């Protein structure tokens, strides 16, 4: 997940919009990508976030660590291919 927590709402919006302008290209590599311009953390701070979710895994459950690591490795490789393209 990319979450931009810059001090300025204007900067957060600027960076979010940059990613949003690349959404169609990102979706080629990560079709399940999610965009959320206004997300509130537990402490009440507002961030913009872009992420891909994996259901059924928990970092606190050792039995799902293998699934989580495979997911993270696949998404990391995919994001590197995207970055090489832009």
Protein backbone atom coordinates (compact mmCIF):
# COMPACT_ATOMS: atom_id res chain seq x y z
CA UNK A 1 0.00 0.00 0.00
CA UNK A 2 1.19 3.46 -0.80
CA UNK A 3 -0.14 5.97 1.67
CA UNK A 4 0.96 9.58 1.33
CA UNK A 5 0.96 11.39 4.67
CA UNK A 6 2.46 14.70 3.67
CA UNK A 7 1.90 17.69 5.91
CA UNK A 8 -0.02 19.55 3.24
CA UNK A 9 -3.41 18.45 1.91
CA UNK A 10 -2.46 20.17 -1.35
CA UNK A 11 0.67 18.05 -1.73
CA UNK A 12 -1.25 14.89 -0.85
CA UNK A 13 -3.81 15.70 -3.54
CA UNK A 14 -1.05 16.51 -6.06
CA UNK A 15 0.71 13.17 -5.57
CA UNK A 16 -2.56 11.23 -5.47
CA UNK A 17 -3.60 12.83 -8.77
CA UNK A 18 -0.24 11.90 -10.32
CA UNK A 19 -0.88 8.26 -9.45
CA UNK A 20 -4.50 8.57 -10.57
CA UNK A 21 -3.33 9.80 -13.99
CA UNK A 22 -1.38 6.54 -14.29
CA UNK A 23 -4.31 4.38 -13.20
CA UNK A 24 -4.90 2.75 -16.58
CA UNK A 25 -1.23 1.78 -16.85
CA UNK A 26 -1.14 0.58 -13.23
CA UNK A 27 -4.26 -1.51 -13.86
CA UNK A 28 -2.45 -3.37 -16.67
CA UNK A 29 0.03 -4.63 -14.08
CA UNK A 30 -2.25 -4.75 -11.03
CA UNK A 31 -5.87 -5.13 -12.18
CA UNK A 32 -7.05 -5.38 -8.55
CA UNK A 33 -5.49 -2.04 -7.52
CA UNK A 34 -7.64 0.19 -5.30
CA UNK A 35 -7.52 3.98 -5.00
CA UNK A 36 -8.84 5.91 -2.02
CA UNK A 37 -8.28 9.66 -1.89
CA UNK A 38 -9.65 10.17 1.62
CA UNK A 39 -8.78 7.54 4.22
CA UNK A 40 -8.61 8.14 7.96
CA UNK A 41 -6.08 6.38 10.15
CA UNK A 42 -6.96 5.25 13.67
CA UNK A 43 -5.39 8.44 15.01
CA UNK A 44 -7.74 10.54 12.86
CA UNK A 45 -5.11 11.64 10.34
CA UNK A 46 -6.30 11.76 6.75
CA UNK A 47 -4.18 10.12 4.05
CA UNK A 48 -4.61 9.13 0.42
CA UNK A 49 -3.89 5.47 -0.27
CA UNK A 50 -3.40 3.14 -3.21
CA UNK A 51 -3.24 -0.54 -2.46
CA UNK A 52 -3.80 -4.16 -3.39
CA UNK A 53 -5.45 -6.38 -0.80
CA UNK A 54 -4.87 -10.04 0.01
CA UNK A 55 -7.76 -11.74 1.80
CA UNK A 56 -7.32 -14.68 4.14
CA UNK A 57 -3.85 -13.91 5.46
CA UNK A 58 -2.69 -12.39 8.72
CA UNK A 59 0.85 -11.34 9.66
CA UNK A 60 0.11 -12.55 13.19
CA UNK A 61 -0.78 -16.07 12.00
CA UNK A 62 2.34 -18.06 11.17
CA UNK A 63 0.25 -20.51 9.11
CA UNK A 64 -0.46 -17.80 6.50
CA UNK A 65 3.06 -16.34 6.30
CA UNK A 66 3.90 -18.35 3.17
CA UNK A 67 0.81 -17.05 1.34
CA UNK A 68 1.58 -13.50 2.45
CA UNK A 69 5.21 -13.70 1.30
CA UNK A 70 4.25 -15.11 -2.11
CA UNK A 71 1.70 -12.30 -2.51
CA UNK A 72 4.21 -9.61 -1.49
CA UNK A 73 6.91 -11.00 -3.79
CA UNK A 74 4.52 -11.16 -6.76
CA UNK A 75 3.26 -7.61 -6.20
CA UNK A 76 6.79 -6.28 -5.66
CA UNK A 77 7.92 -7.80 -8.95
CA UNK A 78 4.83 -6.42 -10.70
CA UNK A 79 5.40 -2.92 -9.32
CA UNK A 80 9.03 -3.04 -10.47
CA UNK A 81 7.87 -3.90 -14.01
CA UNK A 82 5.50 -0.94 -13.89
CA UNK A 83 8.24 1.42 -12.70
CA UNK A 84 10.55 0.21 -15.47
CA UNK A 85 7.85 1.09 -18.01
CA UNK A 86 7.08 4.65 -16.89
